Amino acid sequence: MQFLISVIADQTGLATAEEMATIDVFNERLQTDGHWLFAGGLTPPSAAVVFDNRGADNVSIDGPLHESTEYIVGFWLITAPDLEVARRLAVEGSRACNRRVELRPLLGD
């Protein structure tokens, strides 16, 4: 099964050097244990652009889709044999990055 672990923050700013070191260790373990698919960090919501080309007009709006005090600052795409393992990895990811995370299965698994 494949899962998305979204990292949630309520303020802009990068992880501290200590947090980055802990995240690196977690990432290495995900890779070693065969759970790693991909991971990345995201720019602040102010850098987002929303596009809507469903109608006759091409519409683009600078800024995030939703205004919120919390937003996604990064993510992991992982593979796990079942939800229990994915939940354990999400808990460890939250601890590693020192932020809240959201775990969601990808469709089709």
PDB file of N, CA and C in Angstrom:
ATOM      1  N   MET A   1       0.847  -1.180   0.000  1.00  0.00           N
ATOM      2  CA  MET A   1       0.000   0.000   0.000  1.00  0.00           C
ATOM      3  C   MET A   1       0.889   1.239   0.000  1.00  0.00           C
ATOM      4  N   GLN A   2       0.377   2.294  -0.619  1.00  0.00           N
ATOM      5  CA  GLN A   2       1.111   3.554  -0.642  1.00  0.00           C
ATOM      6  C   GLN A   2       0.339   4.604   0.145  1.00  0.00           C
ATOM      7  N   PHE A   3       1.098   5.486   0.799  1.00  0.00           N
ATOM      8  CA  PHE A   3       0.511   6.489   1.681  1.00  0.00           C
ATOM      9  C   PHE A   3       1.197   7.828   1.492  1.00  0.00           C
ATOM     10  N   LEU A   4       0.456   8.892   1.773  1.00  0.00           N
ATOM     11  CA  LEU A   4       0.995  10.249   1.825  1.00  0.00           C
ATOM     12  C   LEU A   4       1.011  10.675   3.288  1.00  0.00           C
ATOM     13  N   ILE A   5       2.172  11.087   3.755  1.00  0.00           N
ATOM     14  CA  ILE A   5       2.291  11.691   5.087  1.00  0.00           C
ATOM     15  C   ILE A   5       2.560  13.175   4.849  1.00  0.00           C
ATOM     16  N   SER A   6       1.590  14.016   5.166  1.00  0.00           N
ATOM     17  CA  SER A   6       1.719  15.463   5.002  1.00  0.00           C
ATOM     18  C   SER A   6       2.194  16.089   6.297  1.00  0.00           C
ATOM     19  N   VAL A   7       3.187  16.956   6.205  1.00  0.00           N
ATOM     20  CA  VAL A   7       3.721  17.654   7.377  1.00  0.00           C
ATOM     21  C   VAL A   7       3.003  18.990   7.489  1.00  0.00           C
ATOM     22  N   ILE A   8       2.443  19.261   8.654  1.00  0.00           N
ATOM     23  CA  ILE A   8       1.598  20.437   8.884  1.00  0.00           C
ATOM     24  C   ILE A   8       2.318  21.417   9.795  1.00  0.00           C
ATOM     25  N   ALA A   9       2.273  22.699   9.415  1.00  0.00           N
ATOM     26  CA  ALA A   9       2.883  23.737  10.249  1.00  0.00           C
ATOM     27  C   ALA A   9       1.942  24.929  10.349  1.00  0.00           C
ATOM     28  N   ASP A  10       2.210  25.778  11.317  1.00  0.00           N
ATOM     29  CA  ASP A  10       1.401  26.980  11.491  1.00  0.00           C
ATOM     30  C   ASP A  10       2.235  28.250  11.405  1.00  0.00           C
ATOM     31  N   GLN A  11       3.480  28.095  10.951  1.00  0.00           N
ATOM     32  CA  GLN A  11       4.328  29.268  10.763  1.00  0.00           C
ATOM     33  C   GLN A  11       5.350  28.970   9.675  1.00  0.00           C
ATOM     34  N   THR A  12       5.752  30.010   8.967  1.00  0.00           N
ATOM     35  CA  THR A  12       6.756  29.818   7.938  1.00  0.00           C
ATOM     36  C   THR A  12       8.122  29.689   8.593  1.00  0.00           C
ATOM     37  N   GLY A  13       9.041  29.191   7.872  1.00  0.00           N
ATOM     38  CA  GLY A  13      10.384  29.012   8.408  1.00  0.00           C
ATOM     39  C   GLY A  13      10.808  27.568   8.261  1.00  0.00           C
ATOM     40  N   LEU A  14      12.078  27.390   8.034  1.00  0.00           N
ATOM     41  CA  LEU A  14      12.616  26.059   7.838  1.00  0.00           C
ATOM     42  C   LEU A  14      12.803  25.344   9.165  1.00  0.00           C
ATOM     43  N   ALA A  15      12.978  24.055   9.056  1.00  0.00           N
ATOM     44  CA  ALA A  15      13.284  23.264  10.247  1.00  0.00           C
ATOM     45  C   ALA A  15      14.636  23.698  10.797  1.00  0.00           C
ATOM     46  N   THR A  16      14.816  23.547  12.080  1.00  0.00           N
ATOM     47  CA  THR A  16      16.100  23.866  12.702  1.00  0.00           C
ATOM     48  C   THR A  16      17.139  22.841  12.250  1.00  0.00           C
ATOM     49  N   ALA A  17      18.397  23.129  12.490  1.00  0.00           N
ATOM     50  CA  ALA A  17      19.472  22.199  12.138  1.00  0.00           C
ATOM     51  C   ALA A  17      19.276  20.863  12.860  1.00  0.00           C
ATOM     52  N   GLU A  18      18.864  20.908  14.106  1.00  0.00           N
ATOM     53  CA  GLU A  18      18.621  19.684  14.872  1.00  0.00           C
ATOM     54  C   GLU A  18      17.461  18.887  14.269  1.00  0.00           C
ATOM     55  N   GLU A  19      16.367  19.587  13.901  1.00  0.00           N
ATOM     56  CA  GLU A  19      15.235  18.914  13.271  1.00  0.00           C
ATOM     57  C   GLU A  19      15.652  18.296  11.932  1.00  0.00           C
ATOM     58  N   MET A  20      16.431  19.023  11.141  1.00  0.00           N
ATOM     59  CA  MET A  20      16.879  18.497   9.845  1.00  0.00           C
ATOM     60  C   MET A  20      17.726  17.241  10.027  1.00  0.00           C
ATOM     61  N   ALA A  21      18.571  17.228  11.028  1.00  0.00           N
ATOM     62  CA  ALA A  21      19.401  16.042  11.291  1.00  0.00           C
ATOM     63  C   ALA A  21      18.523  14.849  11.653  1.00  0.00           C
ATOM     64  N   THR A  22      17.498  15.087  12.453  1.00  0.00           N
ATOM     65  CA  THR A  22      16.585  14.009  12.846  1.00  0.00           C
ATOM     66  C   THR A  22      15.764  13.536  11.644  1.00  0.00           C
ATOM     67  N   ILE A  23      15.343  14.465  10.809  1.00  0.00           N
ATOM     68  CA  ILE A  23      14.606  14.115   9.596  1.00  0.00           C
ATOM     69  C   ILE A  23      15.488  13.281   8.670  1.00  0.00           C
ATOM     70  N   ASP A  24      16.756  13.662   8.533  1.00  0.00           N
ATOM     71  CA  ASP A  24      17.681  12.898   7.690  1.00  0.00           C
ATOM     72  C   ASP A  24      17.815  11.453   8.168  1.00  0.00           C
ATOM     73  N   VAL A  25      17.899  11.258   9.479  1.00  0.00           N
ATOM     74  CA  VAL A  25      17.993   9.910  10.036  1.00  0.00           C
ATOM     75  C   VAL A  25      16.714   9.130   9.719  1.00  0.00           C
ATOM     76  N   PHE A  26      15.563   9.769   9.889  1.00  0.00           N
ATOM     77  CA  PHE A  26      14.286   9.126   9.574  1.00  0.00           C
ATOM     78  C   PHE A  26      14.218   8.767   8.092  1.00  0.00           C
ATOM     79  N   ASN A  27      14.621   9.695   7.219  1.00  0.00           N
ATOM     80  CA  ASN A  27      14.617   9.440   5.775  1.00  0.00           C
ATOM     81  C   ASN A  27      15.510   8.253   5.421  1.00  0.00           C
ATOM     82  N   GLU A  28      16.690   8.205   6.020  1.00  0.00           N
ATOM     83  CA  GLU A  28      17.616   7.094   5.757  1.00  0.00           C
ATOM     84  C   GLU A  28      17.009   5.764   6.187  1.00  0.00           C
ATOM     85  N   ARG A  29      16.315   5.777   7.319  1.00  0.00           N
ATOM     86  CA  ARG A  29      15.682   4.551   7.783  1.00  0.00           C
ATOM     87  C   ARG A  29      14.542   4.124   6.869  1.00  0.00           C
ATOM     88  N   LEU A  30      13.753   5.101   6.392  1.00  0.00           N
ATOM     89  CA  LEU A  30      12.693   4.773   5.435  1.00  0.00           C
ATOM     90  C   LEU A  30      13.285   4.102   4.197  1.00  0.00           C
ATOM     91  N   GLN A  31      14.413   4.629   3.731  1.00  0.00           N
ATOM     92  CA  GLN A  31      15.051   4.059   2.542  1.00  0.00           C
ATOM     93  C   GLN A  31      15.602   2.668   2.821  1.00  0.00           C
ATOM     94  N   THR A  32      16.309   2.522   3.918  1.00  0.00           N
ATOM     95  CA  THR A  32      16.909   1.236   4.282  1.00  0.00           C
ATOM     96  C   THR A  32      15.847   0.149   4.459  1.00  0.00           C
ATOM     97  N   ASP A  33      14.718   0.516   5.066  1.00  0.00           N
ATOM     98  CA  ASP A  33      13.664  -0.460   5.354  1.00  0.00           C
ATOM     99  C   ASP A  33      12.698  -0.670   4.185  1.00  0.00           C
ATOM    100  N   GLY A  34      12.934   0.017   3.057  1.00  0.00           N
ATOM    101  CA  GLY A  34      12.111  -0.183   1.870  1.00  0.00           C
ATOM    102  C   GLY A  34      10.775   0.536   1.868  1.00  0.00           C
ATOM    103  N   HIS A  35      10.609   1.556   2.718  1.00  0.00           N
ATOM    104  CA  HIS A  35       9.350   2.312   2.771  1.00  0.00           C
ATOM    105  C   HIS A  35       9.388   3.577   1.919  1.00  0.00           C
ATOM    106  N   TRP A  36      10.554   4.027   1.527  1.00  0.00           N
ATOM    107  CA  TRP A  36      10.748   5.308   0.844  1.00  0.00           C
ATOM    108  C   TRP A  36      10.249   5.251  -0.599  1.00  0.00           C
ATOM    109  N   LEU A  37       9.423   6.204  -0.991  1.00  0.00           N
ATOM    110  CA  LEU A  37       9.091   6.425  -2.392  1.00  0.00           C
ATOM    111  C   LEU A  37       9.609   7.789  -2.829  1.00  0.00           C
ATOM    112  N   PHE A  38       9.275   8.833  -2.039  1.00  0.00           N
ATOM    113  CA  PHE A  38       9.681  10.198  -2.377  1.00  0.00           C
ATOM    114  C   PHE A  38       9.352  11.094  -1.189  1.00  0.00           C
ATOM    115  N   ALA A  39      10.068  12.185  -1.060  1.00  0.00           N
ATOM    116  CA  ALA A  39       9.762  13.179  -0.026  1.00  0.00           C
ATOM    117  C   ALA A  39      10.177  14.547  -0.530  1.00  0.00           C
ATOM    118  N   GLY A  40       9.583  15.577   0.035  1.00  0.00           N
ATOM    119  CA  GLY A  40       9.958  16.931  -0.356  1.00  0.00           C
ATOM    120  C   GLY A  40       9.380  17.964   0.579  1.00  0.00           C
ATOM    121  N   GLY A  41       9.989  19.128   0.544  1.00  0.00           N
ATOM    122  CA  GLY A  41       9.487  20.284   1.283  1.00  0.00           C
ATOM    123  C   GLY A  41       8.801  21.234   0.315  1.00  0.00           C
ATOM    124  N   LEU A  42       7.926  22.064   0.835  1.00  0.00           N
ATOM    125  CA  LEU A  42       7.174  22.999   0.016  1.00  0.00           C
ATOM    126  C   LEU A  42       7.460  24.442   0.432  1.00  0.00           C
ATOM    127  N   THR A  43       7.387  25.336  -0.529  1.00  0.00           N
ATOM    128  CA  THR A  43       7.513  26.762  -0.249  1.00  0.00           C
ATOM    129  C   THR A  43       6.272  27.229   0.517  1.00  0.00           C
ATOM    130  N   PRO A  44       6.295  28.428   1.091  1.00  0.00           N
ATOM    131  CA  PRO A  44       5.128  28.921   1.832  1.00  0.00           C
ATOM    132  C   PRO A  44       3.896  29.063   0.926  1.00  0.00           C
ATOM    133  N   PRO A  45       2.708  29.032   1.504  1.00  0.00           N
ATOM    134  CA  PRO A  45       1.476  29.169   0.725  1.00  0.00           C
ATOM    135  C   PRO A  45       1.432  30.435  -0.126  1.00  0.00           C
ATOM    136  N   SER A  46       2.121  31.472   0.292  1.00  0.00           N
ATOM    137  CA  SER A  46       2.114  32.715  -0.484  1.00  0.00           C
ATOM    138  C   SER A  46       2.725  32.520  -1.872  1.00  0.00           C
ATOM    139  N   ALA A  47       3.489  31.462  -2.077  1.00  0.00           N
ATOM    140  CA  ALA A  47       4.106  31.185  -3.379  1.00  0.00           C
ATOM    141  C   ALA A  47       3.178  30.373  -4.296  1.00  0.00           C
ATOM    142  N   ALA A  48       2.027  29.961  -3.801  1.00  0.00           N
ATOM    143  CA  ALA A  48       1.112  29.120  -4.578  1.00  0.00           C
ATOM    144  C   ALA A  48       0.367  29.925  -5.632  1.00  0.00           C
ATOM    145  N   VAL A  49      -0.033  29.253  -6.682  1.00  0.00           N
ATOM    146  CA  VAL A  49      -0.925  29.799  -7.705  1.00  0.00           C
ATOM    147  C   VAL A  49      -1.973  28.727  -7.987  1.00  0.00           C
ATOM    148  N   VAL A  50      -3.242  29.109  -7.958  1.00  0.00           N
ATOM    149  CA  VAL A  50      -4.337  28.191  -8.242  1.00  0.00           C
ATOM    150  C   VAL A  50      -4.803  28.438  -9.676  1.00  0.00           C
ATOM    151  N   PHE A  51      -4.895  27.364 -10.462  1.00  0.00           N
ATOM    152  CA  PHE A  51      -5.350  27.450 -11.849  1.00  0.00           C
ATOM    153  C   PHE A  51      -6.688  26.754 -11.982  1.00  0.00           C
ATOM    154  N   ASP A  52      -7.585  27.347 -12.768  1.00  0.00           N
ATOM    155  CA  ASP A  52      -8.879  26.737 -13.048  1.00  0.00           C
ATOM    156  C   ASP A  52      -9.175  26.934 -14.529  1.00  0.00           C
ATOM    157  N   ASN A  53      -9.051  25.868 -15.288  1.00  0.00           N
ATOM    158  CA  ASN A  53      -9.282  25.924 -16.724  1.00  0.00           C
ATOM    159  C   ASN A  53     -10.457  25.035 -17.109  1.00  0.00           C
ATOM    160  N   ARG A  54     -11.449  24.944 -16.212  1.00  0.00           N
ATOM    161  CA  ARG A  54     -12.608  24.090 -16.485  1.00  0.00           C
ATOM    162  C   ARG A  54     -13.582  24.746 -17.457  1.00  0.00           C
ATOM    163  N   GLY A  55     -13.612  26.052 -17.528  1.00  0.00           N
ATOM    164  CA  GLY A  55     -14.551  26.756 -18.395  1.00  0.00           C
ATOM    165  C   GLY A  55     -13.844  27.352 -19.597  1.00  0.00           C
ATOM    166  N   ALA A  56     -14.483  28.325 -20.200  1.00  0.00           N
ATOM    167  CA  ALA A  56     -13.930  28.965 -21.391  1.00  0.00           C
ATOM    168  C   ALA A  56     -12.757  29.873 -21.054  1.00  0.00           C
ATOM    169  N   ASP A  57     -12.731  30.410 -19.845  1.00  0.00           N
ATOM    170  CA  ASP A  57     -11.665  31.326 -19.451  1.00  0.00           C
ATOM    171  C   ASP A  57     -10.575  30.585 -18.690  1.00  0.00           C
ATOM    172  N   ASN A  58      -9.335  30.972 -18.948  1.00  0.00           N
ATOM    173  CA  ASN A  58      -8.218  30.480 -18.144  1.00  0.00           C
ATOM    174  C   ASN A  58      -8.110  31.376 -16.924  1.00  0.00           C
ATOM    175  N   VAL A  59      -8.274  30.818 -15.754  1.00  0.00           N
ATOM    176  CA  VAL A  59      -8.244  31.604 -14.527  1.00  0.00           C
ATOM    177  C   VAL A  59      -7.055  31.159 -13.694  1.00  0.00           C
ATOM    178  N   SER A  60      -6.288  32.134 -13.211  1.00  0.00           N
ATOM    179  CA  SER A  60      -5.235  31.835 -12.245  1.00  0.00           C
ATOM    180  C   SER A  60      -5.315  32.862 -11.129  1.00  0.00           C
ATOM    181  N   ILE A  61      -5.126  32.378  -9.915  1.00  0.00           N
ATOM    182  CA  ILE A  61      -5.222  33.239  -8.734  1.00  0.00           C
ATOM    183  C   ILE A  61      -3.958  33.041  -7.911  1.00  0.00           C
ATOM    184  N   ASP A  62      -3.243  34.116  -7.650  1.00  0.00           N
ATOM    185  CA  ASP A  62      -2.051  34.034  -6.811  1.00  0.00           C
ATOM    186  C   ASP A  62      -2.458  33.780  -5.368  1.00  0.00           C
ATOM    187  N   GLY A  63      -1.761  32.869  -4.735  1.00  0.00           N
ATOM    188  CA  GLY A  63      -2.029  32.540  -3.339  1.00  0.00           C
ATOM    189  C   GLY A  63      -2.597  31.145  -3.206  1.00  0.00           C
ATOM    190  N   PRO A  64      -2.767  30.683  -1.980  1.00  0.00           N
ATOM    191  CA  PRO A  64      -3.202  29.308  -1.735  1.00  0.00           C
ATOM    192  C   PRO A  64      -4.674  29.100  -2.074  1.00  0.00           C
ATOM    193  N   LEU A  65      -5.033  27.838  -2.249  1.00  0.00           N
ATOM    194  CA  LEU A  65      -6.424  27.463  -2.503  1.00  0.00           C
ATOM    195  C   LEU A  65      -7.310  27.872  -1.336  1.00  0.00           C
ATOM    196  N   HIS A  66      -6.827  27.630  -0.120  1.00  0.00           N
ATOM    197  CA  HIS A  66      -7.583  27.961   1.085  1.00  0.00           C
ATOM    198  C   HIS A  66      -6.717  28.799   2.012  1.00  0.00           C
ATOM    199  N   GLU A  67      -7.286  29.832   2.567  1.00  0.00           N
ATOM    200  CA  GLU A  67      -6.601  30.612   3.600  1.00  0.00           C
ATOM    201  C   GLU A  67      -6.748  29.857   4.908  1.00  0.00           C
ATOM    202  N   SER A  68      -5.650  29.651   5.599  1.00  0.00           N
ATOM    203  CA  SER A  68      -5.690  28.884   6.830  1.00  0.00           C
ATOM    204  C   SER A  68      -4.503  29.267   7.702  1.00  0.00           C
ATOM    205  N   THR A  69      -4.624  29.005   8.983  1.00  0.00           N
ATOM    206  CA  THR A  69      -3.498  29.245   9.885  1.00  0.00           C
ATOM    207  C   THR A  69      -2.517  28.087   9.855  1.00  0.00           C
ATOM    208  N   GLU A  70      -2.939  26.933   9.287  1.00  0.00           N
ATOM    209  CA  GLU A  70      -2.053  25.785   9.146  1.00  0.00           C
ATOM    210  C   GLU A  70      -1.998  25.393   7.671  1.00  0.00           C
ATOM    211  N   TYR A  71      -0.889  24.822   7.269  1.00  0.00           N
ATOM    212  CA  TYR A  71      -0.719  24.441   5.880  1.00  0.00           C
ATOM    213  C   TYR A  71       0.337  23.345   5.783  1.00  0.00           C
ATOM    214  N   ILE A  72       0.398  22.715   4.623  1.00  0.00           N
ATOM    215  CA  ILE A  72       1.356  21.635   4.392  1.00  0.00           C
ATOM    216  C   ILE A  72       2.704  22.232   4.007  1.00  0.00           C
ATOM    217  N   VAL A  73       3.741  21.838   4.748  1.00  0.00           N
ATOM    218  CA  VAL A  73       5.093  22.347   4.481  1.00  0.00           C
ATOM    219  C   VAL A  73       6.005  21.287   3.875  1.00  0.00           C
ATOM    220  N   GLY A  74       5.554  20.045   3.861  1.00  0.00           N
ATOM    221  CA  GLY A  74       6.358  18.974   3.291  1.00  0.00           C
ATOM    222  C   GLY A  74       5.564  17.687   3.297  1.00  0.00           C
ATOM    223  N   PHE A  75       6.179  16.645   2.747  1.00  0.00           N
ATOM    224  CA  PHE A  75       5.462  15.379   2.651  1.00  0.00           C
ATOM    225  C   PHE A  75       6.438  14.227   2.433  1.00  0.00           C
ATOM    226  N   TRP A  76       5.953  13.057   2.747  1.00  0.00           N
ATOM    227  CA  TRP A  76       6.607  11.796   2.402  1.00  0.00           C
ATOM    228  C   TRP A  76       5.598  10.965   1.631  1.00  0.00           C
ATOM    229  N   LEU A  77       6.016  10.342   0.560  1.00  0.00           N
ATOM    230  CA  LEU A  77       5.254   9.276  -0.076  1.00  0.00           C
ATOM    231  C   LEU A  77       5.950   7.992   0.332  1.00  0.00           C
ATOM    232  N   ILE A  78       5.194   7.105   0.970  1.00  0.00           N
ATOM    233  CA  ILE A  78       5.796   5.885   1.493  1.00  0.00           C
ATOM    234  C   ILE A  78       5.021   4.668   1.008  1.00  0.00           C
ATOM    235  N   THR A  79       5.625   3.522   1.149  1.00  0.00           N
ATOM    236  CA  THR A  79       4.953   2.253   0.938  1.00  0.00           C
ATOM    237  C   THR A  79       5.045   1.460   2.236  1.00  0.00           C
ATOM    238  N   ALA A  80       3.965   0.781   2.567  1.00  0.00           N
ATOM    239  CA  ALA A  80       3.915  -0.022   3.785  1.00  0.00           C
ATOM    240  C   ALA A  80       3.001  -1.215   3.526  1.00  0.00           C
ATOM    241  N   PRO A  81       3.241  -2.330   4.188  1.00  0.00           N
ATOM    242  CA  PRO A  81       2.424  -3.515   3.934  1.00  0.00           C
ATOM    243  C   PRO A  81       0.978  -3.378   4.407  1.00  0.00           C
ATOM    244  N   ASP A  82       0.753  -2.475   5.382  1.00  0.00           N
ATOM    245  CA  ASP A  82      -0.604  -2.304   5.900  1.00  0.00           C
ATOM    246  C   ASP A  82      -0.709  -0.967   6.641  1.00  0.00           C
ATOM    247  N   LEU A  83      -1.932  -0.644   7.035  1.00  0.00           N
ATOM    248  CA  LEU A  83      -2.203   0.624   7.714  1.00  0.00           C
ATOM    249  C   LEU A  83      -1.478   0.720   9.046  1.00  0.00           C
ATOM    250  N   GLU A  84      -1.363  -0.371   9.758  1.00  0.00           N
ATOM    251  CA  GLU A  84      -0.692  -0.346  11.066  1.00  0.00           C
ATOM    252  C   GLU A  84       0.760   0.115  10.935  1.00  0.00           C
ATOM    253  N   VAL A  85       1.478  -0.405   9.964  1.00  0.00           N
ATOM    254  CA  VAL A  85       2.872   0.007   9.747  1.00  0.00           C
ATOM    255  C   VAL A  85       2.917   1.468   9.310  1.00  0.00           C
ATOM    256  N   ALA A  86       2.014   1.872   8.426  1.00  0.00           N
ATOM    257  CA  ALA A  86       1.966   3.264   7.974  1.00  0.00           C
ATOM    258  C   ALA A  86       1.699   4.213   9.134  1.00  0.00           C
ATOM    259  N   ARG A  87       0.810   3.832  10.032  1.00  0.00           N
ATOM    260  CA  ARG A  87       0.518   4.669  11.204  1.00  0.00           C
ATOM    261  C   ARG A  87       1.760   4.808  12.086  1.00  0.00           C
ATOM    262  N   ARG A  88       2.472   3.716  12.269  1.00  0.00           N
ATOM    263  CA  ARG A  88       3.708   3.763  13.076  1.00  0.00           C
ATOM    264  C   ARG A  88       4.729   4.696  12.423  1.00  0.00           C
ATOM    265  N   LEU A  89       4.862   4.626  11.103  1.00  0.00           N
ATOM    266  CA  LEU A  89       5.806   5.491  10.396  1.00  0.00           C
ATOM    267  C   LEU A  89       5.379   6.956  10.473  1.00  0.00           C
ATOM    268  N   ALA A  90       4.069   7.215  10.432  1.00  0.00           N
ATOM    269  CA  ALA A  90       3.581   8.595  10.563  1.00  0.00           C
ATOM    270  C   ALA A  90       3.909   9.158  11.948  1.00  0.00           C
ATOM    271  N   VAL A  91       3.746   8.334  12.973  1.00  0.00           N
ATOM    272  CA  VAL A  91       4.096   8.763  14.334  1.00  0.00           C
ATOM    273  C   VAL A  91       5.585   9.102  14.407  1.00  0.00           C
ATOM    274  N   GLU A  92       6.415   8.237  13.826  1.00  0.00           N
ATOM    275  CA  GLU A  92       7.860   8.475  13.838  1.00  0.00           C
ATOM    276  C   GLU A  92       8.220   9.706  13.010  1.00  0.00           C
ATOM    277  N   GLY A  93       7.526   9.920  11.898  1.00  0.00           N
ATOM    278  CA  GLY A  93       7.766  11.105  11.079  1.00  0.00           C
ATOM    279  C   GLY A  93       7.411  12.380  11.817  1.00  0.00           C
ATOM    280  N   SER A  94       6.307  12.357  12.547  1.00  0.00           N
ATOM    281  CA  SER A  94       5.905  13.518  13.346  1.00  0.00           C
ATOM    282  C   SER A  94       6.966  13.847  14.387  1.00  0.00           C
ATOM    283  N   ARG A  95       7.466  12.810  15.027  1.00  0.00           N
ATOM    284  CA  ARG A  95       8.508  13.007  16.029  1.00  0.00           C
ATOM    285  C   ARG A  95       9.779  13.563  15.374  1.00  0.00           C
ATOM    286  N   ALA A  96      10.138  13.012  14.207  1.00  0.00           N
ATOM    287  CA  ALA A  96      11.369  13.414  13.529  1.00  0.00           C
ATOM    288  C   ALA A  96      11.339  14.879  13.103  1.00  0.00           C
ATOM    289  N   CYS A  97      10.204  15.328  12.550  1.00  0.00           N
ATOM    290  CA  CYS A  97      10.155  16.717  12.062  1.00  0.00           C
ATOM    291  C   CYS A  97       9.613  17.692  13.100  1.00  0.00           C
ATOM    292  N   ASN A  98       9.169  17.165  14.245  1.00  0.00           N
ATOM    293  CA  ASN A  98       8.664  18.000  15.334  1.00  0.00           C
ATOM    294  C   ASN A  98       7.459  18.832  14.900  1.00  0.00           C
ATOM    295  N   ARG A  99       6.587  18.205  14.113  1.00  0.00           N
ATOM    296  CA  ARG A  99       5.376  18.856  13.639  1.00  0.00           C
ATOM    297  C   ARG A  99       4.257  17.826  13.561  1.00  0.00           C
ATOM    298  N   ARG A 100       3.022  18.318  13.452  1.00  0.00           N
ATOM    299  CA  ARG A 100       1.894  17.421  13.239  1.00  0.00           C
ATOM    300  C   ARG A 100       1.968  16.877  11.819  1.00  0.00           C
ATOM    301  N   VAL A 101       1.471  15.675  11.619  1.00  0.00           N
ATOM    302  CA  VAL A 101       1.388  15.110  10.280  1.00  0.00           C
ATOM    303  C   VAL A 101       0.018  14.507  10.055  1.00  0.00           C
ATOM    304  N   GLU A 102      -0.346  14.367   8.802  1.00  0.00           N
ATOM    305  CA  GLU A 102      -1.591  13.704   8.412  1.00  0.00           C
ATOM    306  C   GLU A 102      -1.224  12.522   7.531  1.00  0.00           C
ATOM    307  N   LEU A 103      -1.805  11.365   7.798  1.00  0.00           N
ATOM    308  CA  LEU A 103      -1.581  10.149   7.022  1.00  0.00           C
ATOM    309  C   LEU A 103      -2.816   9.864   6.174  1.00  0.00           C
ATOM    310  N   ARG A 104      -2.597   9.643   4.873  1.00  0.00           N
ATOM    311  CA  ARG A 104      -3.713   9.290   3.981  1.00  0.00           C
ATOM    312  C   ARG A 104      -3.252   8.226   2.992  1.00  0.00           C
ATOM    313  N   PRO A 105      -4.056   7.163   2.815  1.00  0.00           N
ATOM    314  CA  PRO A 105      -3.733   6.169   1.795  1.00  0.00           C
ATOM    315  C   PRO A 105      -3.972   6.749   0.408  1.00  0.00           C
ATOM    316  N   LEU A 106      -3.168   6.326  -0.561  1.00  0.00           N
ATOM    317  CA  LEU A 106      -3.407   6.700  -1.948  1.00  0.00           C
ATOM    318  C   LEU A 106      -4.511   5.811  -2.503  1.00  0.00           C
ATOM    319  N   LEU A 107      -5.312   6.341  -3.401  1.00  0.00           N
ATOM    320  CA  LEU A 107      -6.376   5.561  -4.036  1.00  0.00           C
ATOM    321  C   LEU A 107      -5.776   4.452  -4.891  1.00  0.00           C
ATOM    322  N   GLY A 108      -6.512   3.380  -5.000  1.00  0.00           N
ATOM    323  CA  GLY A 108      -6.104   2.298  -5.888  1.00  0.00           C
ATOM    324  C   GLY A 108      -5.319   1.192  -5.217  1.00  0.00           C
ATOM    325  N   ASP A 109      -5.010   1.351  -3.970  1.00  0.00           N
ATOM    326  CA  ASP A 109      -4.276   0.287  -3.265  1.00  0.00           C
ATOM    327  C   ASP A 109      -5.224  -0.627  -2.542  1.00  0.00           C
TER     328      ASP A 109
END
